[in-house]
N, C-alpha and C. Protein backbone atom coordinates (compact mmCIF):
# COMPACT_ATOMS: atom_id res chain seq x y z
N MET A 1 30.46 -90.37 4.85
CA MET A 1 31.52 -90.21 6.19
C MET A 1 32.45 -89.07 5.88
N ILE A 2 32.67 -88.62 7.19
CA ILE A 2 33.55 -87.37 7.10
C ILE A 2 34.62 -87.32 8.31
N ASN A 3 35.92 -87.84 7.87
CA ASN A 3 37.03 -88.10 9.03
C ASN A 3 37.71 -86.70 8.86
N ARG A 4 37.32 -85.51 9.36
CA ARG A 4 38.74 -84.48 9.34
C ARG A 4 38.84 -83.94 10.63
N THR A 5 39.77 -83.37 11.00
CA THR A 5 40.20 -82.91 12.05
C THR A 5 41.01 -81.61 12.20
N VAL A 6 40.64 -80.32 12.50
CA VAL A 6 41.37 -79.42 12.42
C VAL A 6 41.63 -78.62 13.71
N LEU A 7 43.14 -78.60 14.57
CA LEU A 7 43.35 -78.45 15.11
C LEU A 7 44.57 -77.18 15.49
N VAL A 8 44.54 -76.31 16.68
CA VAL A 8 45.57 -75.48 16.77
C VAL A 8 46.13 -75.38 18.16
N GLY A 9 47.04 -75.61 18.10
CA GLY A 9 48.02 -75.67 19.50
C GLY A 9 49.51 -75.86 19.86
N ARG A 10 50.27 -75.83 20.47
CA ARG A 10 51.50 -75.89 20.88
C ARG A 10 52.18 -77.14 21.13
N LEU A 11 53.35 -77.51 20.22
CA LEU A 11 54.12 -78.44 20.53
C LEU A 11 54.66 -78.65 22.02
N THR A 12 54.59 -79.81 22.81
CA THR A 12 54.53 -80.04 23.31
C THR A 12 56.21 -80.43 23.73
N LYS A 13 57.08 -80.86 22.94
CA LYS A 13 58.46 -81.44 22.62
C LYS A 13 58.44 -80.94 21.30
N ASP A 14 60.07 -81.29 20.99
CA ASP A 14 59.97 -80.89 19.34
C ASP A 14 60.06 -82.33 18.57
N PRO A 15 59.76 -82.05 17.04
CA PRO A 15 58.94 -83.27 16.82
C PRO A 15 60.03 -84.17 16.67
N GLU A 16 59.67 -85.68 16.27
CA GLU A 16 60.73 -86.94 16.37
C GLU A 16 60.58 -87.42 15.32
N ILE A 17 61.65 -87.24 14.37
CA ILE A 17 61.56 -88.10 12.69
C ILE A 17 62.50 -89.13 12.51
N ARG A 18 62.04 -90.27 11.62
CA ARG A 18 62.55 -91.39 11.54
C ARG A 18 62.21 -91.71 10.15
N TYR A 19 63.13 -92.50 9.62
CA TYR A 19 62.68 -93.16 8.67
C TYR A 19 62.49 -94.81 8.10
N THR A 20 61.17 -95.06 7.13
CA THR A 20 60.80 -96.64 7.48
C THR A 20 62.49 -97.16 6.66
N GLN A 21 62.34 -98.30 6.51
CA GLN A 21 63.10 -99.52 5.61
C GLN A 21 63.17 -98.61 4.38
N SER A 22 62.10 -98.07 3.67
CA SER A 22 61.95 -97.96 2.53
C SER A 22 62.03 -96.22 2.16
N GLY A 23 62.64 -95.50 3.25
CA GLY A 23 63.18 -94.37 3.26
C GLY A 23 62.55 -93.16 3.27
N THR A 24 61.18 -93.80 3.39
CA THR A 24 59.56 -93.00 3.89
C THR A 24 60.25 -91.75 5.02
N ALA A 25 59.92 -90.86 5.36
CA ALA A 25 59.83 -90.04 6.49
C ALA A 25 58.67 -89.77 7.07
N VAL A 26 58.44 -89.74 8.42
CA VAL A 26 57.74 -90.09 9.38
C VAL A 26 57.79 -89.28 10.62
N ALA A 27 56.90 -88.66 11.01
CA ALA A 27 57.75 -87.37 12.14
C ALA A 27 56.38 -87.78 13.14
N ASN A 28 56.73 -87.98 14.57
CA ASN A 28 55.47 -88.10 15.45
C ASN A 28 55.95 -86.54 16.57
N PHE A 29 54.37 -85.98 16.63
CA PHE A 29 54.71 -84.86 17.98
C PHE A 29 53.18 -85.11 18.40
N THR A 30 53.51 -84.28 19.74
CA THR A 30 52.39 -84.64 20.43
C THR A 30 51.72 -82.74 20.56
N MET A 31 50.67 -82.19 20.34
CA MET A 31 49.91 -80.63 20.46
C MET A 31 49.42 -80.49 21.71
N ALA A 32 49.61 -79.69 22.40
CA ALA A 32 48.69 -79.50 23.72
C ALA A 32 47.66 -78.27 22.92
N VAL A 33 46.25 -78.60 22.84
CA VAL A 33 45.24 -77.75 23.02
C VAL A 33 44.34 -77.43 23.84
N ASN A 34 44.28 -76.24 23.93
CA ASN A 34 43.44 -75.26 25.05
C ASN A 34 41.83 -75.69 24.60
N ARG A 35 41.18 -76.47 26.15
CA ARG A 35 39.98 -76.13 25.79
C ARG A 35 39.26 -74.91 25.93
N GLN A 36 37.97 -74.91 25.07
CA GLN A 36 37.38 -73.65 25.41
C GLN A 36 37.20 -73.20 26.67
N PHE A 37 36.52 -73.87 27.79
CA PHE A 37 35.86 -73.74 28.95
C PHE A 37 37.00 -73.20 30.07
N THR A 38 36.95 -73.43 31.37
CA THR A 38 37.65 -72.96 32.45
C THR A 38 36.91 -74.51 33.82
N ASN A 39 38.12 -74.55 34.39
CA ASN A 39 37.26 -75.43 35.16
C ASN A 39 37.28 -74.74 36.06
N ALA A 40 36.86 -75.48 37.57
CA ALA A 40 36.17 -74.45 38.84
C ALA A 40 37.37 -73.68 39.54
N ASN A 41 38.80 -74.18 38.99
CA ASN A 41 39.45 -73.05 39.47
C ASN A 41 40.03 -71.84 38.89
N GLY A 42 38.83 -71.77 37.70
CA GLY A 42 39.08 -70.35 36.73
C GLY A 42 40.23 -70.81 35.28
N GLU A 43 40.93 -71.81 35.60
CA GLU A 43 41.86 -72.69 34.74
C GLU A 43 41.84 -73.18 33.96
N ARG A 44 42.36 -73.07 32.75
CA ARG A 44 41.77 -73.62 31.04
C ARG A 44 42.88 -75.13 31.42
N GLU A 45 42.18 -75.80 30.86
CA GLU A 45 42.56 -77.52 30.99
C GLU A 45 43.39 -77.41 29.22
N ALA A 46 43.93 -78.61 28.82
CA ALA A 46 44.58 -79.09 27.59
C ALA A 46 44.60 -80.38 27.51
N ASP A 47 44.49 -80.61 26.55
CA ASP A 47 44.21 -81.92 25.61
C ASP A 47 45.25 -81.80 25.19
N PHE A 48 45.98 -83.47 24.99
CA PHE A 48 47.52 -83.56 24.72
C PHE A 48 47.45 -84.12 23.78
N ILE A 49 46.94 -84.01 22.29
CA ILE A 49 46.88 -85.01 21.20
C ILE A 49 48.33 -85.76 20.48
N GLY A 50 48.02 -86.99 19.98
CA GLY A 50 49.27 -87.65 19.45
C GLY A 50 48.44 -87.27 17.94
N CYS A 51 49.96 -86.80 17.36
CA CYS A 51 49.72 -86.93 15.74
C CYS A 51 50.98 -87.26 15.33
N ILE A 52 50.67 -87.85 13.84
CA ILE A 52 51.78 -88.39 13.00
C ILE A 52 51.77 -87.58 11.62
N ILE A 53 52.77 -87.59 11.17
CA ILE A 53 52.95 -86.60 10.14
C ILE A 53 53.80 -87.83 8.87
N TRP A 54 53.86 -87.65 7.17
CA TRP A 54 54.39 -88.48 6.51
C TRP A 54 55.40 -87.43 5.60
N ARG A 55 56.36 -88.40 5.07
CA ARG A 55 57.05 -87.75 3.51
C ARG A 55 57.42 -86.26 4.03
N LYS A 56 57.28 -85.87 2.65
CA LYS A 56 58.07 -84.42 2.81
C LYS A 56 57.54 -83.66 3.74
N ALA A 57 56.46 -83.66 4.09
CA ALA A 57 55.76 -82.74 4.75
C ALA A 57 56.54 -82.81 6.35
N ALA A 58 56.84 -84.30 6.74
CA ALA A 58 57.22 -84.39 7.98
C ALA A 58 58.79 -84.08 8.22
N GLU A 59 59.01 -83.77 7.13
CA GLU A 59 60.58 -83.23 7.45
C GLU A 59 60.44 -81.42 7.26
N ASN A 60 59.36 -81.18 6.53
CA ASN A 60 59.32 -79.80 6.69
C ASN A 60 59.01 -78.83 8.28
N PHE A 61 57.82 -80.16 8.57
CA PHE A 61 57.34 -79.93 9.74
C PHE A 61 58.95 -79.86 11.06
N CYS A 62 59.60 -80.72 10.71
CA CYS A 62 60.93 -80.99 11.64
C CYS A 62 62.00 -79.54 11.36
N ASN A 63 62.07 -79.58 10.34
CA ASN A 63 62.48 -78.30 10.04
C ASN A 63 62.31 -76.71 10.53
N TYR A 64 61.24 -76.85 10.65
CA TYR A 64 60.42 -75.66 10.72
C TYR A 64 59.67 -75.29 12.11
N THR A 65 59.79 -76.47 13.09
CA THR A 65 58.83 -76.48 14.03
C THR A 65 59.81 -76.59 15.73
N HIS A 66 59.43 -76.45 16.34
CA HIS A 66 59.96 -77.24 17.70
C HIS A 66 59.43 -77.01 19.03
N LYS A 67 59.88 -77.59 20.31
CA LYS A 67 58.87 -77.41 21.20
C LYS A 67 58.46 -75.67 21.54
N GLY A 68 56.85 -75.91 21.75
CA GLY A 68 56.16 -74.28 21.94
C GLY A 68 56.01 -73.56 20.69
N SER A 69 56.39 -74.35 19.49
CA SER A 69 55.84 -73.96 18.54
C SER A 69 54.42 -73.78 18.22
N LEU A 70 53.66 -72.99 17.46
CA LEU A 70 52.08 -72.52 17.38
C LEU A 70 52.01 -73.52 15.94
N VAL A 71 51.03 -74.12 16.35
CA VAL A 71 50.97 -74.93 14.75
C VAL A 71 49.60 -75.07 14.75
N GLY A 72 48.50 -75.37 13.20
CA GLY A 72 47.28 -75.29 12.99
C GLY A 72 47.75 -76.43 11.87
N ILE A 73 46.85 -77.22 12.34
CA ILE A 73 46.98 -78.80 11.39
C ILE A 73 45.48 -79.26 10.41
N ASP A 74 45.47 -79.79 9.60
CA ASP A 74 44.45 -80.70 9.29
C ASP A 74 44.54 -82.03 8.42
N GLY A 75 43.40 -82.61 9.56
CA GLY A 75 43.86 -84.23 9.40
C GLY A 75 42.76 -85.03 9.47
N ARG A 76 43.09 -85.99 10.06
CA ARG A 76 41.96 -87.02 10.25
C ARG A 76 42.26 -87.98 11.26
N ILE A 77 41.35 -88.46 12.07
CA ILE A 77 41.70 -89.05 13.33
C ILE A 77 41.65 -91.03 12.83
N GLN A 78 43.11 -91.32 13.03
CA GLN A 78 43.20 -93.11 12.83
C GLN A 78 43.31 -93.72 14.62
N THR A 79 42.59 -94.38 14.49
CA THR A 79 42.83 -95.73 15.37
C THR A 79 43.55 -97.03 15.10
N SER A 80 43.86 -97.84 16.14
CA SER A 80 44.87 -98.66 16.31
C SER A 80 44.74 -99.58 17.30
N SER A 81 45.35 -100.99 17.74
CA SER A 81 45.40 -101.80 18.51
C SER A 81 46.61 -102.74 18.49
N TYR A 82 47.04 -102.65 19.79
CA TYR A 82 48.25 -103.85 19.95
C TYR A 82 48.03 -104.54 20.79
N GLU A 83 48.76 -106.15 21.10
CA GLU A 83 48.63 -106.19 22.32
C GLU A 83 49.96 -106.06 23.62
N LYS A 84 49.91 -105.93 24.71
CA LYS A 84 50.76 -105.43 25.54
C LYS A 84 50.48 -106.05 26.89
N GLU A 85 51.72 -107.04 26.98
CA GLU A 85 51.50 -107.96 28.59
C GLU A 85 50.52 -108.29 28.34
N GLY A 86 49.58 -108.86 27.49
CA GLY A 86 48.57 -109.52 27.33
C GLY A 86 47.10 -109.22 27.30
N GLN A 87 47.20 -107.83 26.88
CA GLN A 87 46.16 -106.59 27.24
C GLN A 87 45.93 -106.01 25.98
N ARG A 88 44.86 -105.91 25.62
CA ARG A 88 44.91 -104.94 24.22
C ARG A 88 44.77 -103.52 24.68
N VAL A 89 45.67 -102.88 23.72
CA VAL A 89 45.89 -101.54 23.79
C VAL A 89 45.26 -100.91 23.11
N TYR A 90 44.42 -99.70 22.98
CA TYR A 90 44.44 -99.04 22.07
C TYR A 90 44.63 -97.70 21.81
N SER A 91 45.07 -97.08 20.56
CA SER A 91 45.22 -95.57 20.34
C SER A 91 44.72 -94.96 19.60
N THR A 92 44.53 -93.88 19.83
CA THR A 92 43.99 -92.66 18.77
C THR A 92 45.42 -91.59 17.95
N GLN A 93 45.27 -91.03 16.84
CA GLN A 93 46.06 -89.92 16.66
C GLN A 93 45.48 -89.44 15.60
N VAL A 94 46.29 -88.17 15.36
CA VAL A 94 45.64 -87.52 14.42
C VAL A 94 46.86 -87.93 12.72
N VAL A 95 46.21 -88.13 11.80
CA VAL A 95 47.12 -88.55 10.36
C VAL A 95 47.18 -87.10 9.96
N VAL A 96 48.35 -86.15 10.02
CA VAL A 96 48.35 -85.02 9.74
C VAL A 96 48.68 -84.98 8.17
N ASP A 97 47.76 -84.05 7.41
CA ASP A 97 47.69 -83.65 5.87
C ASP A 97 48.09 -82.28 5.36
N SER A 98 48.20 -81.64 6.32
CA SER A 98 48.80 -80.57 6.06
C SER A 98 48.84 -79.96 7.31
N PHE A 99 49.59 -78.58 7.46
CA PHE A 99 49.93 -78.18 8.81
C PHE A 99 50.26 -76.10 8.44
N SER A 100 50.05 -76.07 8.85
CA SER A 100 50.48 -74.09 9.20
C SER A 100 51.22 -73.82 10.41
N LEU A 101 52.24 -72.92 10.05
CA LEU A 101 52.59 -72.21 11.33
C LEU A 101 51.93 -70.94 11.61
N LEU A 102 51.62 -70.77 12.62
CA LEU A 102 51.09 -69.48 13.05
C LEU A 102 51.35 -68.44 13.96
N GLU A 103 52.74 -68.06 14.19
CA GLU A 103 53.43 -67.27 14.29
C GLU A 103 54.77 -66.98 13.74
N PRO A 104 54.88 -65.77 13.91
CA PRO A 104 55.94 -65.06 12.87
C PRO A 104 57.45 -65.65 13.72
N LYS A 105 58.26 -65.78 12.29
CA LYS A 105 59.49 -67.01 12.41
C LYS A 105 60.31 -66.15 13.71
N GLN A 106 60.31 -65.10 13.55
CA GLN A 106 61.46 -64.65 15.00
C GLN A 106 60.51 -64.63 15.85
N GLN A 107 59.32 -64.96 16.22
CA GLN A 107 58.85 -65.20 17.70
C GLN A 107 58.95 -66.68 17.81
N SER A 108 58.79 -67.77 16.53
CA SER A 108 59.26 -68.88 17.18
C SER A 108 60.42 -69.01 17.44
N GLN A 109 61.48 -68.78 16.50
CA GLN A 109 63.04 -69.03 16.83
C GLN A 109 63.27 -68.42 18.40
N GLN A 110 62.80 -67.28 19.03
CA GLN A 110 63.26 -67.09 20.33
C GLN A 110 62.40 -67.49 20.55
N ARG A 111 61.43 -68.73 20.84
CA ARG A 111 60.79 -69.37 21.64
C ARG A 111 61.35 -70.56 21.47
N GLY A 112 62.15 -71.29 20.47
CA GLY A 112 62.97 -72.16 20.43
C GLY A 112 64.53 -71.94 21.39
N GLN A 113 64.67 -71.15 21.11
CA GLN A 113 66.35 -70.69 21.72
C GLN A 113 65.97 -70.33 23.05
N GLN A 114 64.51 -70.29 24.00
CA GLN A 114 64.30 -70.09 25.45
C GLN A 114 64.14 -71.70 25.82
N SER A 115 63.76 -72.40 25.03
CA SER A 115 63.04 -73.92 25.16
C SER A 115 64.21 -74.36 25.20
N ASN A 116 65.28 -73.98 24.00
CA ASN A 116 66.81 -74.78 24.31
C ASN A 116 67.48 -74.57 25.38
N ALA A 117 67.58 -73.37 25.71
CA ALA A 117 68.12 -72.68 26.81
C ALA A 117 68.22 -73.26 27.93
N SER A 118 66.53 -73.39 28.38
CA SER A 118 66.28 -74.24 29.53
C SER A 118 65.98 -75.18 29.54
N ASP A 119 66.10 -76.23 28.04
CA ASP A 119 66.29 -77.24 28.29
C ASP A 119 67.59 -78.21 28.50
N ALA A 120 68.58 -76.72 28.06
CA ALA A 120 70.50 -77.04 28.82
C ALA A 120 70.41 -76.63 30.12
N LEU A 121 69.54 -76.05 30.51
CA LEU A 121 69.67 -75.43 32.39
C LEU A 121 69.47 -76.81 32.88
N HIS A 122 68.02 -77.45 32.22
CA HIS A 122 67.49 -78.72 32.73
C HIS A 122 68.35 -79.65 32.63
N ASP A 123 69.11 -80.21 31.54
CA ASP A 123 70.12 -80.91 31.37
C ASP A 123 71.34 -80.94 32.20
N ASN A 124 72.07 -79.55 32.28
CA ASN A 124 72.80 -79.57 33.35
C ASN A 124 72.46 -79.81 34.89
N PHE A 125 71.48 -79.26 35.36
CA PHE A 125 70.56 -79.67 36.43
C PHE A 125 70.67 -80.99 36.62
N GLU A 126 70.43 -81.91 35.72
CA GLU A 126 70.33 -83.73 36.42
C GLU A 126 71.63 -83.88 36.07
N GLN A 127 72.45 -83.52 35.57
CA GLN A 127 73.90 -84.03 35.16
C GLN A 127 74.51 -83.53 36.41
N SER A 128 74.76 -82.85 37.23
CA SER A 128 75.91 -82.31 38.46
C SER A 128 75.39 -82.03 39.90
N ASN A 129 70.32 -81.49 33.38
CA ASN A 129 69.65 -82.53 32.99
C ASN A 129 69.38 -80.98 31.62
N ASN A 130 55.87 -66.85 2.95
CA ASN A 130 56.39 -67.73 2.59
C ASN A 130 55.11 -68.23 2.52
N THR A 131 55.79 -69.41 2.65
CA THR A 131 54.83 -70.65 2.76
C THR A 131 55.42 -71.59 3.64
N TYR A 132 55.05 -71.42 4.57
CA TYR A 132 56.04 -72.67 5.88
C TYR A 132 55.07 -73.86 5.53
N GLY A 133 53.52 -74.54 5.12
CA GLY A 133 53.38 -75.40 5.22
C GLY A 133 53.37 -76.28 4.28
N GLN A 134 53.56 -77.35 4.02
CA GLN A 134 53.11 -78.49 3.18
C GLN A 134 51.80 -78.56 2.67
N ASN A 135 51.12 -77.86 1.29
CA ASN A 135 49.80 -78.11 1.02
C ASN A 135 48.97 -77.12 1.82
N ASN A 136 49.03 -76.10 2.37
CA ASN A 136 48.70 -75.50 3.30
C ASN A 136 47.56 -74.34 2.00
N ASN A 137 47.55 -74.51 0.96
CA ASN A 137 46.63 -73.42 0.93
C ASN A 137 46.77 -72.06 1.03
N GLY A 138 47.69 -71.82 1.40
CA GLY A 138 47.77 -70.07 1.61
C GLY A 138 47.75 -69.69 2.95
N TYR A 139 46.90 -70.55 3.74
CA TYR A 139 47.37 -70.38 4.82
C TYR A 139 48.81 -70.17 6.01
N GLY A 140 48.89 -69.80 6.94
CA GLY A 140 50.10 -69.61 7.20
C GLY A 140 50.97 -68.61 7.06
N GLN A 141 50.66 -68.08 5.26
CA GLN A 141 51.67 -67.47 4.92
C GLN A 141 51.56 -65.80 5.28
N ASN A 142 52.61 -65.20 5.34
CA ASN A 142 52.34 -63.68 5.48
C ASN A 142 52.87 -62.56 4.00
N ASN A 143 51.56 -62.45 3.52
CA ASN A 143 51.61 -61.65 2.55
C ASN A 143 51.57 -60.34 2.73
N ASN A 144 52.49 -59.76 2.62
CA ASN A 144 52.92 -58.05 2.91
C ASN A 144 52.65 -57.07 1.21
N ASN A 145 52.64 -58.19 0.34
CA ASN A 145 51.93 -57.19 -1.10
C ASN A 145 50.67 -56.44 -1.01
N PRO A 146 50.59 -55.37 -1.22
CA PRO A 146 49.01 -55.04 -1.14
C PRO A 146 48.23 -55.56 -2.31
N ALA A 147 46.99 -55.43 -2.64
CA ALA A 147 46.39 -55.53 -3.81
C ALA A 147 46.58 -54.64 -5.08
N PRO A 148 46.72 -55.26 -5.89
CA PRO A 148 47.17 -53.95 -6.95
C PRO A 148 46.28 -52.67 -6.96
N SER A 149 46.44 -51.58 -7.02
CA SER A 149 45.83 -50.35 -6.95
C SER A 149 45.07 -50.10 -8.34
N ASN A 150 45.06 -50.70 -9.04
CA ASN A 150 45.24 -50.32 -10.73
C ASN A 150 43.17 -51.27 -10.46
N ASN A 151 42.69 -49.70 -10.76
CA ASN A 151 41.08 -50.60 -10.82
C ASN A 151 40.29 -51.37 -12.32
N ASP A 152 42.05 -51.34 -13.41
CA ASP A 152 41.55 -51.63 -14.75
C ASP A 152 41.12 -52.96 -14.75
N PHE A 153 39.64 -53.56 -14.92
CA PHE A 153 39.68 -55.24 -14.94
C PHE A 153 39.65 -55.27 -16.30
N GLY A 154 39.72 -54.47 -17.31
CA GLY A 154 39.82 -54.99 -18.94
C GLY A 154 37.98 -55.09 -19.16
N ILE A 155 36.81 -54.19 -17.99
CA ILE A 155 35.72 -53.90 -18.21
C ILE A 155 35.34 -52.48 -18.52
N ASN A 156 34.84 -52.25 -19.54
CA ASN A 156 34.20 -50.90 -20.22
C ASN A 156 33.16 -50.23 -19.24
N ASP A 157 32.80 -49.56 -19.00
CA ASP A 157 31.66 -48.98 -17.91
C ASP A 157 29.88 -49.21 -18.64
N ASP A 158 30.39 -49.17 -20.37
CA ASP A 158 29.16 -49.50 -21.60
C ASP A 158 28.72 -50.58 -20.83
N ASP A 159 29.72 -52.07 -20.37
CA ASP A 159 29.36 -53.33 -20.49
C ASP A 159 28.78 -53.73 -19.36
N LEU A 160 28.72 -52.92 -18.19
CA LEU A 160 28.21 -53.04 -17.40
C LEU A 160 26.40 -52.94 -17.39
N PRO A 161 25.86 -53.52 -16.50
CA PRO A 161 23.99 -53.51 -16.92
C PRO A 161 23.59 -52.85 -16.34
N PHE A 162 24.25 -51.92 -15.25
CA PHE A 162 23.56 -51.26 -14.69
C PHE A 162 23.97 -49.82 -14.45
């Protein structure tokens, strides 16, 4: 059986981090992921997918992402259920194993500043309203170092079979 999920989308709000009684970090966030097709009005619809990330990866995620950040995640689907007002409620979320930031840091910071500025305006109105990922196997890293131009691989031309 395989339970793997790979998603690319934008955060709908800043991730929320908290700590368990034993001190383990856990963060929750929601990603907006565009569907591959358009509706009858020619607009793209999005799915809003709840995610959870644990331990050091949760701390890193919260330190480097914010509302609007474009991220890629790799994880697994997890379902759970609980009782609420006598009714059985089911929930589905993605447990994130690794993540990658998919936009340049400067662009992400600008988006965060714009988001923070608009949030502050909204708050005022209502009142008077590298390596980026944990275990990302190289994805999301910006490697500006060119490949070595030296073609000496320690192989003599006489050793080649052709």
